[in-house]
């Protein structure tokens, strides 16, 4: 009787392990391109992060067209 229970349990485990459940896929990591900042850009970045960036977020590039960006920049 014990062997029947063990064999049944083993069969259930094997069937469960071989079931066709979808496996979670891992998204590939995005390639991050790091650019070297010029001294002027680094200074502006530090200024923004230390002062403005504490309360305000940057505008999205798609928020404005090229002509609308001129007075902002």
PDB file of N, CA and C in Angstrom:
ATOM      1  N   UNK A   1       0.814  -1.184   0.000  1.00  0.00           N
ATOM      2  CA  UNK A   1       0.000   0.000   0.000  1.00  0.00           C
ATOM      3  C   UNK A   1       0.866   1.260   0.000  1.00  0.00           C
ATOM      4  N   UNK A   2       1.973   1.206   0.799  1.00  0.00           N
ATOM      5  CA  UNK A   2       2.865   2.355   0.862  1.00  0.00           C
ATOM      6  C   UNK A   2       3.476   2.655  -0.491  1.00  0.00           C
ATOM      7  N   UNK A   3       3.849   1.624  -1.221  1.00  0.00           N
ATOM      8  CA  UNK A   3       4.477   1.843  -2.522  1.00  0.00           C
ATOM      9  C   UNK A   3       3.494   2.438  -3.522  1.00  0.00           C
ATOM     10  N   UNK A   4       2.215   2.068  -3.419  1.00  0.00           N
ATOM     11  CA  UNK A   4       1.225   2.650  -4.311  1.00  0.00           C
ATOM     12  C   UNK A   4       1.073   4.139  -4.052  1.00  0.00           C
ATOM     13  N   UNK A   5       1.094   4.527  -2.790  1.00  0.00           N
ATOM     14  CA  UNK A   5       0.983   5.952  -2.433  1.00  0.00           C
ATOM     15  C   UNK A   5       2.208   6.702  -2.950  1.00  0.00           C
ATOM     16  N   UNK A   6       3.387   6.152  -2.740  1.00  0.00           N
ATOM     17  CA  UNK A   6       4.614   6.795  -3.200  1.00  0.00           C
ATOM     18  C   UNK A   6       4.656   6.885  -4.726  1.00  0.00           C
ATOM     19  N   UNK A   7       4.258   5.839  -5.402  1.00  0.00           N
ATOM     20  CA  UNK A   7       4.239   5.852  -6.857  1.00  0.00           C
ATOM     21  C   UNK A   7       3.209   6.850  -7.384  1.00  0.00           C
ATOM     22  N   UNK A   8       2.065   6.938  -6.728  1.00  0.00           N
ATOM     23  CA  UNK A   8       1.052   7.912  -7.126  1.00  0.00           C
ATOM     24  C   UNK A   8       1.563   9.330  -6.926  1.00  0.00           C
ATOM     25  N   UNK A   9       2.206   9.558  -5.795  1.00  0.00           N
ATOM     26  CA  UNK A   9       2.759  10.885  -5.517  1.00  0.00           C
ATOM     27  C   UNK A   9       3.850  11.222  -6.533  1.00  0.00           C
ATOM     28  N   UNK A  10       4.687  10.277  -6.850  1.00  0.00           N
ATOM     29  CA  UNK A  10       5.740  10.483  -7.836  1.00  0.00           C
ATOM     30  C   UNK A  10       5.150  10.785  -9.210  1.00  0.00           C
ATOM     31  N   UNK A  11       4.101  10.077  -9.577  1.00  0.00           N
ATOM     32  CA  UNK A  11       3.449  10.303 -10.866  1.00  0.00           C
ATOM     33  C   UNK A  11       2.853  11.710 -10.922  1.00  0.00           C
ATOM     34  N   UNK A  12       2.244  12.161  -9.835  1.00  0.00           N
ATOM     35  CA  UNK A  12       1.670  13.505  -9.789  1.00  0.00           C
ATOM     36  C   UNK A  12       2.766  14.551  -9.923  1.00  0.00           C
ATOM     37  N   UNK A  13       3.866  14.356  -9.221  1.00  0.00           N
ATOM     38  CA  UNK A  13       4.970  15.303  -9.288  1.00  0.00           C
ATOM     39  C   UNK A  13       5.549  15.355 -10.698  1.00  0.00           C
ATOM     40  N   UNK A  14       5.740  14.211 -11.316  1.00  0.00           N
ATOM     41  CA  UNK A  14       6.276  14.172 -12.675  1.00  0.00           C
ATOM     42  C   UNK A  14       5.317  14.819 -13.668  1.00  0.00           C
ATOM     43  N   UNK A  15       4.030  14.556 -13.535  1.00  0.00           N
ATOM     44  CA  UNK A  15       3.062  15.180 -14.431  1.00  0.00           C
ATOM     45  C   UNK A  15       3.047  16.697 -14.257  1.00  0.00           C
ATOM     46  N   UNK A  16       3.124  17.143 -13.023  1.00  0.00           N
ATOM     47  CA  UNK A  16       3.140  18.586 -12.760  1.00  0.00           C
ATOM     48  C   UNK A  16       4.405  19.227 -13.345  1.00  0.00           C
ATOM     49  N   UNK A  17       5.532  18.552 -13.189  1.00  0.00           N
ATOM     50  CA  UNK A  17       6.796  19.095 -13.686  1.00  0.00           C
ATOM     51  C   UNK A  17       6.819  19.138 -15.209  1.00  0.00           C
ATOM     52  N   UNK A  18       6.126  18.247 -15.863  1.00  0.00           N
ATOM     53  CA  UNK A  18       6.134  18.197 -17.321  1.00  0.00           C
ATOM     54  C   UNK A  18       4.976  18.973 -17.941  1.00  0.00           C
ATOM     55  N   UNK A  19       4.172  19.609 -17.117  1.00  0.00           N
ATOM     56  CA  UNK A  19       3.033  20.351 -17.674  1.00  0.00           C
ATOM     57  C   UNK A  19       3.532  21.522 -18.505  1.00  0.00           C
ATOM     58  N   UNK A  20       2.680  21.996 -19.394  1.00  0.00           N
ATOM     59  CA  UNK A  20       3.092  23.054 -20.313  1.00  0.00           C
ATOM     60  C   UNK A  20       2.667  24.430 -19.795  1.00  0.00           C
ATOM     61  N   UNK A  21       3.069  24.756 -18.608  1.00  0.00           N
ATOM     62  CA  UNK A  21       2.768  26.083 -18.079  1.00  0.00           C
ATOM     63  C   UNK A  21       3.751  27.071 -18.671  1.00  0.00           C
ATOM     64  N   UNK A  22       3.275  28.262 -19.019  1.00  0.00           N
ATOM     65  CA  UNK A  22       4.198  29.247 -19.591  1.00  0.00           C
ATOM     66  C   UNK A  22       5.226  29.696 -18.564  1.00  0.00           C
ATOM     67  N   UNK A  23       6.440  29.750 -19.012  1.00  0.00           N
ATOM     68  CA  UNK A  23       7.520  30.177 -18.132  1.00  0.00           C
ATOM     69  C   UNK A  23       7.677  31.688 -18.263  1.00  0.00           C
ATOM     70  N   UNK A  24       7.927  32.367 -17.160  1.00  0.00           N
ATOM     71  CA  UNK A  24       8.089  33.816 -17.249  1.00  0.00           C
ATOM     72  C   UNK A  24       9.324  34.165 -18.075  1.00  0.00           C
ATOM     73  N   UNK A  25       9.158  35.145 -18.916  1.00  0.00           N
ATOM     74  CA  UNK A  25      10.285  35.573 -19.733  1.00  0.00           C
ATOM     75  C   UNK A  25      10.938  36.789 -19.089  1.00  0.00           C
ATOM     76  N   UNK A  26      12.205  36.860 -19.223  1.00  0.00           N
ATOM     77  CA  UNK A  26      12.968  37.970 -18.676  1.00  0.00           C
ATOM     78  C   UNK A  26      13.257  38.931 -19.821  1.00  0.00           C
ATOM     79  N   UNK A  27      12.874  40.180 -19.617  1.00  0.00           N
ATOM     80  CA  UNK A  27      13.121  41.183 -20.653  1.00  0.00           C
ATOM     81  C   UNK A  27      14.609  41.452 -20.748  1.00  0.00           C
ATOM     82  N   UNK A  28      15.118  41.571 -21.966  1.00  0.00           N
ATOM     83  CA  UNK A  28      16.544  41.885 -22.099  1.00  0.00           C
ATOM     84  C   UNK A  28      16.830  43.267 -21.539  1.00  0.00           C
ATOM     85  N   UNK A  29      17.980  43.390 -20.948  1.00  0.00           N
ATOM     86  CA  UNK A  29      18.353  44.677 -20.361  1.00  0.00           C
ATOM     87  C   UNK A  29      18.565  45.709 -21.463  1.00  0.00           C
ATOM     88  N   UNK A  30      18.071  46.887 -21.196  1.00  0.00           N
ATOM     89  CA  UNK A  30      18.239  47.966 -22.164  1.00  0.00           C
ATOM     90  C   UNK A  30      19.706  48.362 -22.218  1.00  0.00           C
ATOM     91  N   UNK A  31      20.165  48.618 -23.400  1.00  0.00           N
ATOM     92  CA  UNK A  31      21.535  49.041 -23.566  1.00  0.00           C
ATOM     93  C   UNK A  31      21.653  50.502 -23.164  1.00  0.00           C
ATOM     94  N   UNK A  32      22.499  50.753 -22.210  1.00  0.00           N
ATOM     95  CA  UNK A  32      22.678  52.113 -21.715  1.00  0.00           C
ATOM     96  C   UNK A  32      23.934  52.687 -22.347  1.00  0.00           C
ATOM     97  N   UNK A  33      23.758  53.802 -23.009  1.00  0.00           N
ATOM     98  CA  UNK A  33      24.884  54.470 -23.635  1.00  0.00           C
ATOM     99  C   UNK A  33      25.275  55.643 -22.747  1.00  0.00           C
ATOM    100  N   UNK A  34      26.480  55.611 -22.253  1.00  0.00           N
ATOM    101  CA  UNK A  34      26.960  56.699 -21.413  1.00  0.00           C
ATOM    102  C   UNK A  34      27.775  57.649 -22.259  1.00  0.00           C
ATOM    103  N   UNK A  35      27.435  58.930 -22.144  1.00  0.00           N
ATOM    104  CA  UNK A  35      28.173  59.944 -22.878  1.00  0.00           C
ATOM    105  C   UNK A  35      29.017  60.732 -21.892  1.00  0.00           C
ATOM    106  N   UNK A  36      30.162  61.123 -22.348  1.00  0.00           N
ATOM    107  CA  UNK A  36      31.012  61.989 -21.550  1.00  0.00           C
ATOM    108  C   UNK A  36      30.447  63.404 -21.616  1.00  0.00           C
ATOM    109  N   UNK A  37      30.294  64.021 -20.468  1.00  0.00           N
ATOM    110  CA  UNK A  37      29.785  65.385 -20.421  1.00  0.00           C
ATOM    111  C   UNK A  37      30.936  66.372 -20.541  1.00  0.00           C
ATOM    112  N   UNK A  38      30.674  67.436 -21.254  1.00  0.00           N
ATOM    113  CA  UNK A  38      31.655  68.513 -21.301  1.00  0.00           C
ATOM    114  C   UNK A  38      31.647  69.188 -19.933  1.00  0.00           C
ATOM    115  N   UNK A  39      32.677  69.941 -19.596  1.00  0.00           N
ATOM    116  CA  UNK A  39      32.682  70.614 -18.297  1.00  0.00           C
ATOM    117  C   UNK A  39      31.467  71.527 -18.110  1.00  0.00           C
ATOM    118  N   UNK A  40      31.032  72.193 -19.184  1.00  0.00           N
ATOM    119  CA  UNK A  40      29.880  73.079 -19.081  1.00  0.00           C
ATOM    120  C   UNK A  40      28.602  72.284 -18.793  1.00  0.00           C
ATOM    121  N   UNK A  41      28.431  71.148 -19.481  1.00  0.00           N
ATOM    122  CA  UNK A  41      27.253  70.323 -19.248  1.00  0.00           C
ATOM    123  C   UNK A  41      27.269  69.714 -17.848  1.00  0.00           C
ATOM    124  N   UNK A  42      28.433  69.297 -17.399  1.00  0.00           N
ATOM    125  CA  UNK A  42      28.547  68.734 -16.054  1.00  0.00           C
ATOM    126  C   UNK A  42      28.193  69.777 -15.003  1.00  0.00           C
ATOM    127  N   UNK A  43      28.645  71.007 -15.219  1.00  0.00           N
ATOM    128  CA  UNK A  43      28.327  72.084 -14.285  1.00  0.00           C
ATOM    129  C   UNK A  43      26.819  72.361 -14.277  1.00  0.00           C
ATOM    130  N   UNK A  44      26.198  72.393 -15.458  1.00  0.00           N
ATOM    131  CA  UNK A  44      24.757  72.601 -15.542  1.00  0.00           C
ATOM    132  C   UNK A  44      23.978  71.468 -14.908  1.00  0.00           C
ATOM    133  N   UNK A  45      24.450  70.247 -15.116  1.00  0.00           N
ATOM    134  CA  UNK A  45      23.797  69.081 -14.508  1.00  0.00           C
ATOM    135  C   UNK A  45      23.855  69.170 -12.994  1.00  0.00           C
ATOM    136  N   UNK A  46      25.022  69.494 -12.458  1.00  0.00           N
ATOM    137  CA  UNK A  46      25.174  69.624 -11.009  1.00  0.00           C
ATOM    138  C   UNK A  46      24.299  70.745 -10.459  1.00  0.00           C
ATOM    139  N   UNK A  47      24.224  71.854 -11.182  1.00  0.00           N
ATOM    140  CA  UNK A  47      23.406  72.984 -10.757  1.00  0.00           C
ATOM    141  C   UNK A  47      21.938  72.583 -10.729  1.00  0.00           C
ATOM    142  N   UNK A  48      21.481  71.931 -11.786  1.00  0.00           N
ATOM    143  CA  UNK A  48      20.082  71.511 -11.849  1.00  0.00           C
ATOM    144  C   UNK A  48      19.763  70.514 -10.739  1.00  0.00           C
ATOM    145  N   UNK A  49      20.601  69.488 -10.589  1.00  0.00           N
ATOM    146  CA  UNK A  49      20.329  68.462  -9.590  1.00  0.00           C
ATOM    147  C   UNK A  49      20.394  69.017  -8.174  1.00  0.00           C
ATOM    148  N   UNK A  50      21.275  69.980  -7.940  1.00  0.00           N
ATOM    149  CA  UNK A  50      21.421  70.534  -6.599  1.00  0.00           C
ATOM    150  C   UNK A  50      20.386  71.581  -6.244  1.00  0.00           C
ATOM    151  N   UNK A  51      19.823  72.254  -7.232  1.00  0.00           N
ATOM    152  CA  UNK A  51      18.881  73.336  -6.949  1.00  0.00           C
ATOM    153  C   UNK A  51      17.495  73.025  -7.496  1.00  0.00           C
ATOM    154  N   UNK A  52      17.350  73.086  -8.803  1.00  0.00           N
ATOM    155  CA  UNK A  52      16.034  72.977  -9.448  1.00  0.00           C
ATOM    156  C   UNK A  52      15.439  71.579  -9.336  1.00  0.00           C
ATOM    157  N   UNK A  53      16.277  70.566  -9.517  1.00  0.00           N
ATOM    158  CA  UNK A  53      15.802  69.192  -9.590  1.00  0.00           C
ATOM    159  C   UNK A  53      15.211  68.666  -8.296  1.00  0.00           C
ATOM    160  N   UNK A  54      15.406  69.363  -7.207  1.00  0.00           N
ATOM    161  CA  UNK A  54      14.823  68.922  -5.943  1.00  0.00           C
ATOM    162  C   UNK A  54      13.308  69.064  -5.960  1.00  0.00           C
ATOM    163  N   UNK A  55      12.798  70.062  -6.690  1.00  0.00           N
ATOM    164  CA  UNK A  55      11.358  70.311  -6.726  1.00  0.00           C
ATOM    165  C   UNK A  55      10.747  70.154  -8.115  1.00  0.00           C
ATOM    166  N   UNK A  56      11.533  70.352  -9.171  1.00  0.00           N
ATOM    167  CA  UNK A  56      11.008  70.379 -10.534  1.00  0.00           C
ATOM    168  C   UNK A  56      11.594  69.252 -11.370  1.00  0.00           C
ATOM    169  N   UNK A  57      10.789  68.794 -12.331  1.00  0.00           N
ATOM    170  CA  UNK A  57      11.265  67.787 -13.270  1.00  0.00           C
ATOM    171  C   UNK A  57      11.589  68.455 -14.598  1.00  0.00           C
ATOM    172  N   UNK A  58      12.453  67.817 -15.372  1.00  0.00           N
ATOM    173  CA  UNK A  58      12.802  68.330 -16.692  1.00  0.00           C
ATOM    174  C   UNK A  58      11.624  68.159 -17.641  1.00  0.00           C
ATOM    175  N   UNK A  59      11.547  69.014 -18.633  1.00  0.00           N
ATOM    176  CA  UNK A  59      10.542  68.876 -19.674  1.00  0.00           C
ATOM    177  C   UNK A  59      10.879  67.666 -20.536  1.00  0.00           C
ATOM    178  N   UNK A  60       9.869  67.010 -21.047  1.00  0.00           N
ATOM    179  CA  UNK A  60      10.087  65.918 -21.985  1.00  0.00           C
ATOM    180  C   UNK A  60      10.442  66.518 -23.338  1.00  0.00           C
ATOM    181  N   UNK A  61      11.400  65.957 -24.049  1.00  0.00           N
ATOM    182  CA  UNK A  61      11.771  66.499 -25.357  1.00  0.00           C
ATOM    183  C   UNK A  61      10.599  66.544 -26.331  1.00  0.00           C
ATOM    184  N   UNK A  62       9.674  65.620 -26.209  1.00  0.00           N
ATOM    185  CA  UNK A  62       8.538  65.583 -27.132  1.00  0.00           C
ATOM    186  C   UNK A  62       7.451  66.586 -26.770  1.00  0.00           C
ATOM    187  N   UNK A  63       7.621  67.304 -25.656  1.00  0.00           N
ATOM    188  CA  UNK A  63       6.606  68.267 -25.228  1.00  0.00           C
ATOM    189  C   UNK A  63       6.523  69.473 -26.151  1.00  0.00           C
ATOM    190  N   UNK A  64       7.623  69.833 -26.794  1.00  0.00           N
ATOM    191  CA  UNK A  64       7.683  71.028 -27.624  1.00  0.00           C
ATOM    192  C   UNK A  64       8.379  70.711 -28.938  1.00  0.00           C
ATOM    193  N   UNK A  65       8.087  71.515 -29.965  1.00  0.00           N
ATOM    194  CA  UNK A  65       8.802  71.367 -31.223  1.00  0.00           C
ATOM    195  C   UNK A  65      10.059  72.243 -31.174  1.00  0.00           C
ATOM    196  N   UNK A  66      10.842  72.233 -32.238  1.00  0.00           N
ATOM    197  CA  UNK A  66      12.138  72.935 -32.250  1.00  0.00           C
ATOM    198  C   UNK A  66      11.974  74.437 -32.016  1.00  0.00           C
ATOM    199  N   UNK A  67      10.950  75.037 -32.605  1.00  0.00           N
ATOM    200  CA  UNK A  67      10.745  76.482 -32.439  1.00  0.00           C
ATOM    201  C   UNK A  67      10.331  76.832 -31.013  1.00  0.00           C
ATOM    202  N   UNK A  68       9.544  75.997 -30.388  1.00  0.00           N
ATOM    203  CA  UNK A  68       9.092  76.259 -29.019  1.00  0.00           C
ATOM    204  C   UNK A  68      10.221  76.072 -28.004  1.00  0.00           C
ATOM    205  N   UNK A  69      11.210  75.243 -28.343  1.00  0.00           N
ATOM    206  CA  UNK A  69      12.326  75.025 -27.436  1.00  0.00           C
ATOM    207  C   UNK A  69      13.283  76.213 -27.376  1.00  0.00           C
ATOM    208  N   UNK A  70      13.392  76.985 -28.439  1.00  0.00           N
ATOM    209  CA  UNK A  70      14.372  78.069 -28.497  1.00  0.00           C
ATOM    210  C   UNK A  70      14.270  79.023 -27.316  1.00  0.00           C
ATOM    211  N   UNK A  71      13.088  79.574 -26.960  1.00  0.00           N
ATOM    212  CA  UNK A  71      13.049  80.482 -25.804  1.00  0.00           C
ATOM    213  C   UNK A  71      13.283  79.775 -24.472  1.00  0.00           C
ATOM    214  N   UNK A  72      12.968  78.497 -24.407  1.00  0.00           N
ATOM    215  CA  UNK A  72      13.156  77.758 -23.152  1.00  0.00           C
ATOM    216  C   UNK A  72      14.630  77.505 -22.897  1.00  0.00           C
ATOM    217  N   UNK A  73      15.327  77.113 -23.959  1.00  0.00           N
ATOM    218  CA  UNK A  73      16.736  76.791 -23.823  1.00  0.00           C
ATOM    219  C   UNK A  73      17.544  78.066 -23.783  1.00  0.00           C
TER     220      UNK A  73
END
